[in-house]
């Protein structure tokens, strides 16, 4: 599976859409959009966990209850 690259305008549009969707549904999620360029089906469970932990550490100062709560997205699971 080939991962496609996204343009900044597309990410901005997705963030705006997420802002409206969560506001209308009264969900406590923020409107930011971000991600990691990889094919999760090619990674082991431990690789996915390490990747997620490092990504979360890198955005730690940008997320939180009173700042921005990341919403689950495509390709994510309960873990």
C-alpha atoms as a PDB file:
ATOM      1  CA  UNK A   1       0.000   0.000   0.000  1.00  0.00           C
ATOM      2  CA  UNK A   2       1.368   3.406  -0.952  1.00  0.00           C
ATOM      3  CA  UNK A   3       0.952   6.276   1.497  1.00  0.00           C
ATOM      4  CA  UNK A   4       0.045   9.505  -0.232  1.00  0.00           C
ATOM      5  CA  UNK A   5       1.460  12.826   0.862  1.00  0.00           C
ATOM      6  CA  UNK A   6      -0.931  15.583   1.870  1.00  0.00           C
ATOM      7  CA  UNK A   7      -0.644  19.264   1.200  1.00  0.00           C
ATOM      8  CA  UNK A   8      -0.834  21.926   3.949  1.00  0.00           C
ATOM      9  CA  UNK A   9      -4.137  23.219   2.510  1.00  0.00           C
ATOM     10  CA  UNK A  10      -5.658  19.742   2.810  1.00  0.00           C
ATOM     11  CA  UNK A  11      -4.506  19.406   6.428  1.00  0.00           C
ATOM     12  CA  UNK A  12      -5.916  22.856   7.196  1.00  0.00           C
ATOM     13  CA  UNK A  13      -9.260  21.932   5.630  1.00  0.00           C
ATOM     14  CA  UNK A  14      -9.388  18.671   7.593  1.00  0.00           C
ATOM     15  CA  UNK A  15      -8.601  20.520  10.836  1.00  0.00           C
ATOM     16  CA  UNK A  16     -11.383  23.016  10.179  1.00  0.00           C
ATOM     17  CA  UNK A  17     -13.819  20.213   9.391  1.00  0.00           C
ATOM     18  CA  UNK A  18     -12.859  18.392  12.608  1.00  0.00           C
ATOM     19  CA  UNK A  19     -13.409  21.597  14.585  1.00  0.00           C
ATOM     20  CA  UNK A  20     -16.950  21.941  13.254  1.00  0.00           C
ATOM     21  CA  UNK A  21     -17.810  18.227  13.549  1.00  0.00           C
ATOM     22  CA  UNK A  22     -16.734  17.999  17.177  1.00  0.00           C
ATOM     23  CA  UNK A  23     -18.355  21.320  18.101  1.00  0.00           C
ATOM     24  CA  UNK A  24     -21.700  20.364  16.560  1.00  0.00           C
ATOM     25  CA  UNK A  25     -21.586  16.960  18.258  1.00  0.00           C
ATOM     26  CA  UNK A  26     -20.506  18.608  21.546  1.00  0.00           C
ATOM     27  CA  UNK A  27     -17.438  16.369  21.809  1.00  0.00           C
ATOM     28  CA  UNK A  28     -14.413  17.558  23.815  1.00  0.00           C
ATOM     29  CA  UNK A  29     -11.937  17.189  20.962  1.00  0.00           C
ATOM     30  CA  UNK A  30      -9.851  19.915  19.377  1.00  0.00           C
ATOM     31  CA  UNK A  31      -9.592  20.865  15.749  1.00  0.00           C
ATOM     32  CA  UNK A  32      -5.930  20.199  15.096  1.00  0.00           C
ATOM     33  CA  UNK A  33      -4.835  17.690  12.501  1.00  0.00           C
ATOM     34  CA  UNK A  34      -1.576  15.828  12.339  1.00  0.00           C
ATOM     35  CA  UNK A  35      -0.158  12.442  11.672  1.00  0.00           C
ATOM     36  CA  UNK A  36       2.747  10.193  10.881  1.00  0.00           C
ATOM     37  CA  UNK A  37       3.667   9.252   7.328  1.00  0.00           C
ATOM     38  CA  UNK A  38       3.787   5.466   7.455  1.00  0.00           C
ATOM     39  CA  UNK A  39       1.796   2.389   6.560  1.00  0.00           C
ATOM     40  CA  UNK A  40       0.644   0.982   9.914  1.00  0.00           C
ATOM     41  CA  UNK A  41      -0.089  -2.413   8.344  1.00  0.00           C
ATOM     42  CA  UNK A  42       3.648  -2.815   7.740  1.00  0.00           C
ATOM     43  CA  UNK A  43       4.557  -2.271  11.419  1.00  0.00           C
ATOM     44  CA  UNK A  44       4.470  -4.708  14.304  1.00  0.00           C
ATOM     45  CA  UNK A  45       2.410  -3.973  17.410  1.00  0.00           C
ATOM     46  CA  UNK A  46       5.526  -2.987  19.339  1.00  0.00           C
ATOM     47  CA  UNK A  47       6.723  -0.701  16.521  1.00  0.00           C
ATOM     48  CA  UNK A  48       3.311   0.995  16.440  1.00  0.00           C
ATOM     49  CA  UNK A  49       3.405   1.466  20.197  1.00  0.00           C
ATOM     50  CA  UNK A  50       6.899   2.995  20.117  1.00  0.00           C
ATOM     51  CA  UNK A  51       5.960   5.257  17.202  1.00  0.00           C
ATOM     52  CA  UNK A  52       2.797   6.425  18.988  1.00  0.00           C
ATOM     53  CA  UNK A  53       4.657   7.061  22.240  1.00  0.00           C
ATOM     54  CA  UNK A  54       7.368   9.133  20.531  1.00  0.00           C
ATOM     55  CA  UNK A  55       4.780  11.095  18.520  1.00  0.00           C
ATOM     56  CA  UNK A  56       2.818  11.809  21.710  1.00  0.00           C
ATOM     57  CA  UNK A  57       5.975  12.904  23.536  1.00  0.00           C
ATOM     58  CA  UNK A  58       6.813  15.292  20.686  1.00  0.00           C
ATOM     59  CA  UNK A  59       3.355  16.940  20.765  1.00  0.00           C
ATOM     60  CA  UNK A  60       2.988  16.740  24.555  1.00  0.00           C
ATOM     61  CA  UNK A  61       3.022  20.526  25.031  1.00  0.00           C
ATOM     62  CA  UNK A  62       0.313  20.945  22.382  1.00  0.00           C
ATOM     63  CA  UNK A  63      -2.254  18.536  23.842  1.00  0.00           C
ATOM     64  CA  UNK A  64      -4.140  18.342  27.097  1.00  0.00           C
ATOM     65  CA  UNK A  65      -7.547  18.663  28.700  1.00  0.00           C
ATOM     66  CA  UNK A  66      -7.538  22.467  28.538  1.00  0.00           C
ATOM     67  CA  UNK A  67      -5.518  22.796  25.313  1.00  0.00           C
ATOM     68  CA  UNK A  68      -6.401  20.246  22.627  1.00  0.00           C
ATOM     69  CA  UNK A  69      -7.671  16.693  22.912  1.00  0.00           C
ATOM     70  CA  UNK A  70      -6.694  14.649  19.831  1.00  0.00           C
ATOM     71  CA  UNK A  71      -9.618  12.782  18.296  1.00  0.00           C
ATOM     72  CA  UNK A  72      -9.251   9.228  17.037  1.00  0.00           C
ATOM     73  CA  UNK A  73      -8.843   9.033  13.288  1.00  0.00           C
ATOM     74  CA  UNK A  74      -8.649   6.594  10.391  1.00  0.00           C
ATOM     75  CA  UNK A  75      -6.077   3.894  10.900  1.00  0.00           C
ATOM     76  CA  UNK A  76      -6.231   4.137  14.681  1.00  0.00           C
ATOM     77  CA  UNK A  77      -7.523   1.521  17.065  1.00  0.00           C
ATOM     78  CA  UNK A  78      -8.350   1.235  20.731  1.00  0.00           C
ATOM     79  CA  UNK A  79      -4.688   0.901  21.643  1.00  0.00           C
END
